[in-house]
Amino acid sequence: MQPMLLALITPEASAESLGWTHYFLAIGAYVEGRFDAACEHATLSAASASELGHEYMFTIAVSTRLLAESARDRTIAQRSLAEVLELVRRVSVMPLAAFALWFVARYAAAVAPETAAQWLAHAERIVVAIDSELWPESILRDECLVLLGIAEPGTLLDGVPPLGHAAALAEAAAWLATRDPSEHAVRDPVGELTFAGG
């Protein structure tokens, strides 16, 4: 798949085509553990999206870049996550909302684990509603489940009142805003879930 995508990067390619091509290359590089390449492709995707004024593409590219950066650097910066969360709130689509809530949960699992389950629960309801696994973004959820010792994500729903995705994102943003802007949450590899990197 990678050679086919790389062949689409030509001087004649439109900004939209380049944006999506670099996004899919970023995802491919991430799942192969090539985190530097994933960051580079996500950055190029975001640049094309910015040129186009394509808010959804820009948001998913910046989110994917943080996914790769945090795996490469083994840390999630509060400022970077807050930026992603604000972008996702503006776009306000359910798949990106689940991705962002998983990111907040993964951050929380490292710095305030007693708060992480609620963000996982809100994301789980979204995933059930849209009937999509959202892989590889769901790696963040799976890492959290291991760290929190939760065997089945469905059990998270008990005791967490349902919220619409916009309200859940707003609550997550409010919680993240209480954290020190200079804080970094550790994202060490969890078994084989995070991919090896290199």
Protein backbone atom coordinates (compact mmCIF):
# COMPACT_ATOMS: atom_id res chain seq x y z
CA MET A 1 0.00 0.00 0.00
CA GLN A 2 2.81 2.43 0.84
CA PRO A 3 4.35 2.39 -2.69
CA MET A 4 0.91 3.05 -4.20
CA LEU A 5 0.36 6.01 -1.87
CA LEU A 6 3.83 7.42 -2.46
CA ALA A 7 3.18 7.27 -6.21
CA LEU A 8 0.29 9.70 -5.68
CA ILE A 9 2.66 12.40 -4.41
CA THR A 10 3.39 14.29 -7.61
CA PRO A 11 3.70 17.97 -8.58
CA GLU A 12 0.31 17.64 -10.28
CA ALA A 13 -1.49 16.34 -7.20
CA SER A 14 -4.06 18.67 -5.64
CA ALA A 15 -3.65 19.92 -2.08
CA GLU A 16 -6.61 17.78 -1.02
CA SER A 17 -5.15 14.66 -2.61
CA LEU A 18 -1.79 15.34 -0.98
CA GLY A 19 -3.42 15.94 2.38
CA TRP A 20 -5.27 12.65 2.45
CA THR A 21 -2.33 10.73 0.96
CA HIS A 22 0.01 12.00 3.66
CA TYR A 23 -2.62 11.21 6.31
CA PHE A 24 -2.89 7.57 5.21
CA LEU A 25 0.90 7.35 4.98
CA ALA A 26 1.07 8.66 8.55
CA ILE A 27 -1.33 5.97 9.75
CA GLY A 28 0.61 3.29 7.89
CA ALA A 29 3.91 4.46 9.35
CA TYR A 30 2.41 4.52 12.84
CA VAL A 31 1.21 0.93 12.75
CA GLU A 32 4.64 -0.12 11.47
CA GLY A 33 6.30 1.64 14.40
CA ARG A 34 7.97 4.26 12.18
CA PHE A 35 7.00 7.16 14.40
CA ASP A 36 9.30 9.81 12.90
CA ALA A 37 7.87 9.12 9.45
CA ALA A 38 4.35 9.15 10.86
CA CYS A 39 4.97 12.58 12.41
CA GLU A 40 6.41 13.90 9.15
CA HIS A 41 3.49 12.69 7.03
CA ALA A 42 0.94 13.96 9.56
CA THR A 43 2.62 17.38 9.53
CA LEU A 44 2.49 17.49 5.73
CA SER A 45 -1.18 16.47 5.83
CA ALA A 46 -1.90 19.28 8.28
CA ALA A 47 -0.08 21.75 6.02
CA SER A 48 -2.23 20.76 3.03
CA ALA A 49 -5.36 21.00 5.17
CA SER A 50 -4.35 24.44 6.39
CA GLU A 51 -3.79 25.58 2.80
CA LEU A 52 -7.27 24.36 1.89
CA GLY A 53 -9.00 25.58 5.03
CA HIS A 54 -10.13 21.95 5.52
CA GLU A 55 -10.84 21.88 9.26
CA TYR A 56 -11.65 18.18 9.52
CA MET A 57 -8.50 17.10 7.68
CA PHE A 58 -6.41 19.50 9.76
CA THR A 59 -7.87 18.14 13.00
CA ILE A 60 -7.36 14.49 12.15
CA ALA A 61 -3.82 15.19 10.93
CA VAL A 62 -2.83 17.06 14.10
CA SER A 63 -4.44 14.34 16.23
CA THR A 64 -2.55 11.63 14.34
CA ARG A 65 0.69 13.55 14.73
CA LEU A 66 0.20 13.60 18.51
CA LEU A 67 -0.56 9.87 18.43
CA ALA A 68 2.80 9.25 16.74
CA GLU A 69 4.74 11.84 18.74
CA SER A 70 3.51 10.45 22.05
CA ALA A 71 4.47 6.91 21.04
CA ARG A 72 7.90 8.07 19.85
CA ASP A 73 8.64 10.34 22.83
CA ARG A 74 6.76 8.20 25.37
CA THR A 75 5.04 11.25 26.75
CA ILE A 76 1.90 13.31 26.14
CA ALA A 77 2.25 17.05 26.67
CA GLN A 78 -0.73 18.76 28.30
CA ARG A 79 -0.47 21.69 25.89
CA SER A 80 -0.46 19.43 22.83
CA LEU A 81 -3.43 17.43 24.06
CA ALA A 82 -5.34 20.62 24.91
CA GLU A 83 -4.74 21.85 21.34
CA VAL A 84 -6.07 18.60 19.89
CA LEU A 85 -9.09 18.66 22.18
CA GLU A 86 -9.98 22.21 21.17
CA LEU A 87 -9.74 21.31 17.48
CA VAL A 88 -11.91 18.23 17.95
CA ARG A 89 -14.51 20.25 19.83
CA ARG A 90 -14.76 22.69 16.93
CA VAL A 91 -15.22 19.93 14.36
CA SER A 92 -17.49 17.98 16.73
CA VAL A 93 -17.85 14.68 14.87
CA MET A 94 -18.29 11.46 16.80
CA PRO A 95 -15.31 9.39 15.57
CA LEU A 96 -12.87 12.20 16.37
CA ALA A 97 -14.61 12.71 19.71
CA ALA A 98 -13.93 9.09 20.66
CA PHE A 99 -10.28 9.47 19.57
CA ALA A 100 -9.88 12.61 21.70
CA LEU A 101 -11.57 11.06 24.72
CA TRP A 102 -9.27 8.03 24.48
CA PHE A 103 -6.34 10.44 24.42
CA VAL A 104 -7.60 12.21 27.54
CA ALA A 105 -8.13 8.83 29.21
CA ARG A 106 -4.58 7.75 28.32
CA TYR A 107 -3.23 11.02 29.72
CA ALA A 108 -5.32 10.59 32.87
CA ALA A 109 -4.20 6.98 33.30
CA ALA A 110 -0.67 8.30 33.83
CA VAL A 111 -1.35 11.37 35.99
CA ALA A 112 -4.73 10.78 37.69
CA PRO A 113 -5.80 7.18 37.07
CA GLU A 114 -8.90 7.49 39.23
CA THR A 115 -10.37 9.83 36.59
CA ALA A 116 -9.52 7.83 33.47
CA ALA A 117 -12.47 5.43 33.42
CA GLN A 118 -15.08 8.13 32.86
CA TRP A 119 -13.43 9.28 29.62
CA LEU A 120 -13.17 5.68 28.47
CA ALA A 121 -16.87 5.20 29.21
CA HIS A 122 -17.91 8.24 27.17
CA ALA A 123 -15.74 7.08 24.27
CA GLU A 124 -17.15 3.56 24.50
CA ARG A 125 -20.70 4.85 24.11
CA ILE A 126 -19.64 6.74 20.99
CA VAL A 127 -17.97 3.66 19.49
CA VAL A 128 -21.08 1.59 20.14
CA ALA A 129 -23.27 4.28 18.58
CA ILE A 130 -21.23 4.55 15.37
CA ASP A 131 -20.46 0.79 15.25
CA SER A 132 -16.79 1.28 14.44
CA GLU A 133 -13.57 0.06 16.02
CA LEU A 134 -11.54 3.14 14.97
CA TRP A 135 -8.26 1.25 14.79
CA PRO A 136 -5.38 2.12 15.29
CA GLU A 137 -6.65 5.06 17.35
CA SER A 138 -8.26 2.54 19.73
CA ILE A 139 -4.75 1.48 20.78
CA LEU A 140 -5.03 4.33 23.31
CA ARG A 141 -8.13 2.70 24.80
CA ASP A 142 -6.48 -0.70 24.92
CA GLU A 143 -3.42 0.72 26.68
CA CYS A 144 -5.70 2.31 29.28
CA LEU A 145 -7.61 -0.90 29.89
CA VAL A 146 -4.39 -2.75 30.61
CA LEU A 147 -3.04 -0.01 32.87
CA LEU A 148 -6.31 0.21 34.80
CA GLY A 149 -6.78 -3.56 35.00
CA ILE A 150 -10.13 -3.50 33.19
CA ALA A 151 -10.90 -6.64 31.20
CA GLU A 152 -14.04 -5.52 29.38
CA PRO A 153 -14.74 -1.93 28.26
CA GLY A 154 -18.50 -2.46 28.50
CA THR A 155 -18.23 -2.64 32.28
CA LEU A 156 -17.11 0.98 32.30
CA LEU A 157 -20.60 2.20 31.47
CA ASP A 158 -22.02 1.37 34.88
CA GLY A 159 -22.02 4.42 37.10
CA VAL A 160 -21.07 6.92 34.38
CA PRO A 161 -24.12 8.93 33.26
CA PRO A 162 -24.42 9.14 29.47
CA LEU A 163 -23.48 12.39 27.76
CA GLY A 164 -23.63 13.53 24.16
CA HIS A 165 -20.23 13.62 22.51
CA ALA A 166 -20.06 17.43 22.60
CA ALA A 167 -20.84 17.51 26.32
CA ALA A 168 -18.32 14.74 27.02
CA LEU A 169 -15.64 16.68 25.14
CA ALA A 170 -16.51 19.83 27.09
CA GLU A 171 -16.12 17.98 30.39
CA ALA A 172 -12.84 16.47 29.25
CA ALA A 173 -11.55 19.90 28.22
CA ALA A 174 -12.58 21.35 31.58
CA TRP A 175 -10.75 18.56 33.43
CA LEU A 176 -7.62 18.93 31.29
CA ALA A 177 -7.63 22.68 31.95
CA THR A 178 -7.16 21.93 35.66
CA ARG A 179 -3.83 20.28 34.92
CA ASP A 180 -0.54 22.17 34.85
CA PRO A 181 0.12 23.35 31.24
CA SER A 182 3.74 22.22 31.63
CA GLU A 183 2.71 18.71 32.67
CA HIS A 184 3.71 15.67 30.63
CA ALA A 185 2.01 12.30 31.05
CA VAL A 186 4.17 9.24 30.51
CA ARG A 187 3.11 7.00 27.63
CA ASP A 188 5.42 4.03 27.95
CA PRO A 189 4.75 1.00 25.75
CA VAL A 190 2.12 -1.36 27.14
CA GLY A 191 2.95 -4.90 26.07
CA GLU A 192 2.80 -5.01 22.28
CA LEU A 193 -0.02 -2.50 22.03
CA THR A 194 1.93 0.69 21.31
CA PHE A 195 4.06 -0.84 18.52
CA ALA A 196 7.78 -1.18 18.75
CA GLY A 197 8.96 2.04 17.19
CA GLY A 198 12.43 2.56 15.86
